[in-house]
Amino acid sequence: MKKADSNDIRKQFGKRVRELRKARGYSQEAFAHECEIHRTYIGDVERGERNIALDNITKIAATLGIELSELFDGISAIPPSNK
């Protein structure tokens, strides 16, 4: 069983953050402000360009009002062709 590429994991996570942010009506700038994370950093995360720290993942989940596990719903470390 082959593991997913780290870039793929970051892109999956970024896509999930963007979906949840938009579903709650946050602009990227307002969301970053609420998370106390720089706006450009949030953009990098959403594009899968950052290997985000656990502290920042926790801030994102708290701002969204969800558990950490919910933030990772639908994200897999195993590529679809290997499941």
Protein backbone atom coordinates (compact mmCIF):
# COMPACT_ATOMS: atom_id res chain seq x y z
CA MET A 1 0.00 0.00 0.00
CA LYS A 2 1.57 3.25 -1.16
CA LYS A 3 1.26 6.44 0.91
CA ALA A 4 -0.06 9.64 -0.63
CA ASP A 5 2.45 12.29 -1.65
CA SER A 6 2.86 14.99 1.02
CA ASN A 7 1.82 17.63 -1.54
CA ASP A 8 -1.42 15.71 -2.10
CA ILE A 9 -2.15 15.67 1.65
CA ARG A 10 -1.51 19.41 1.88
CA LYS A 11 -3.80 20.05 -1.10
CA GLN A 12 -6.56 17.89 0.38
CA PHE A 13 -6.26 19.71 3.70
CA GLY A 14 -6.24 23.13 2.02
CA LYS A 15 -9.31 22.27 -0.02
CA ARG A 16 -11.11 21.18 3.16
CA VAL A 17 -10.18 24.39 4.98
CA ARG A 18 -11.39 26.49 2.03
CA GLU A 19 -14.69 24.58 1.84
CA LEU A 20 -15.38 25.00 5.55
CA ARG A 21 -14.30 28.66 5.57
CA LYS A 22 -16.59 29.52 2.66
CA ALA A 23 -19.48 27.50 4.11
CA ARG A 24 -19.31 29.72 7.18
CA GLY A 25 -19.22 32.89 5.10
CA TYR A 26 -15.69 34.01 5.96
CA SER A 27 -13.54 35.92 3.52
CA GLN A 28 -9.95 34.72 3.60
CA GLU A 29 -8.91 37.95 5.31
CA ALA A 30 -11.63 37.82 7.99
CA PHE A 31 -10.92 34.15 8.63
CA ALA A 32 -7.19 34.78 9.01
CA HIS A 33 -7.94 37.59 11.45
CA GLU A 34 -10.21 35.36 13.56
CA CYS A 35 -7.59 32.58 13.52
CA GLU A 36 -4.84 35.05 14.42
CA ILE A 37 -2.86 33.76 11.44
CA HIS A 38 -1.52 35.98 8.64
CA ARG A 39 -3.79 36.25 5.60
CA THR A 40 -1.13 35.12 3.13
CA TYR A 41 -0.38 32.07 5.29
CA ILE A 42 -4.06 31.02 5.12
CA GLY A 43 -3.93 31.43 1.34
CA ASP A 44 -0.81 29.27 1.19
CA VAL A 45 -2.51 26.61 3.32
CA GLU A 46 -5.60 26.60 1.11
CA ARG A 47 -3.44 26.14 -1.99
CA GLY A 48 -1.53 23.28 -0.34
CA GLU A 49 1.71 25.24 -0.31
CA ARG A 50 2.33 25.06 3.46
CA ASN A 51 3.20 22.17 5.74
CA ILE A 52 1.02 23.64 8.47
CA ALA A 53 1.89 23.30 12.16
CA LEU A 54 -0.45 21.55 14.59
CA ASP A 55 -0.85 24.79 16.56
CA ASN A 56 -2.24 26.50 13.46
CA ILE A 57 -4.47 23.52 12.61
CA THR A 58 -5.91 23.83 16.12
CA LYS A 59 -6.54 27.57 15.64
CA ILE A 60 -8.35 26.87 12.36
CA ALA A 61 -10.56 24.18 13.91
CA ALA A 62 -11.38 26.41 16.89
CA THR A 63 -12.31 29.33 14.63
CA LEU A 64 -14.54 27.06 12.56
CA GLY A 65 -16.11 25.71 15.77
CA ILE A 66 -15.32 22.09 14.96
CA GLU A 67 -13.28 19.23 16.41
CA LEU A 68 -9.90 18.50 14.86
CA SER A 69 -11.23 15.19 13.54
CA GLU A 70 -13.93 17.02 11.56
CA LEU A 71 -11.29 19.15 9.89
CA PHE A 72 -9.75 15.96 8.50
CA ASP A 73 -13.01 14.40 7.23
CA GLY A 74 -12.49 13.10 3.71
CA ILE A 75 -8.69 13.45 3.82
CA SER A 76 -6.79 10.24 3.23
CA ALA A 77 -3.12 9.32 3.49
CA ILE A 78 -3.77 6.45 1.07
CA PRO A 79 -4.17 7.37 -2.62
CA PRO A 80 -7.60 6.38 -4.05
CA SER A 81 -6.07 3.78 -6.39
CA ASN A 82 -4.51 1.95 -3.42
CA LYS A 83 -7.55 1.73 -1.13
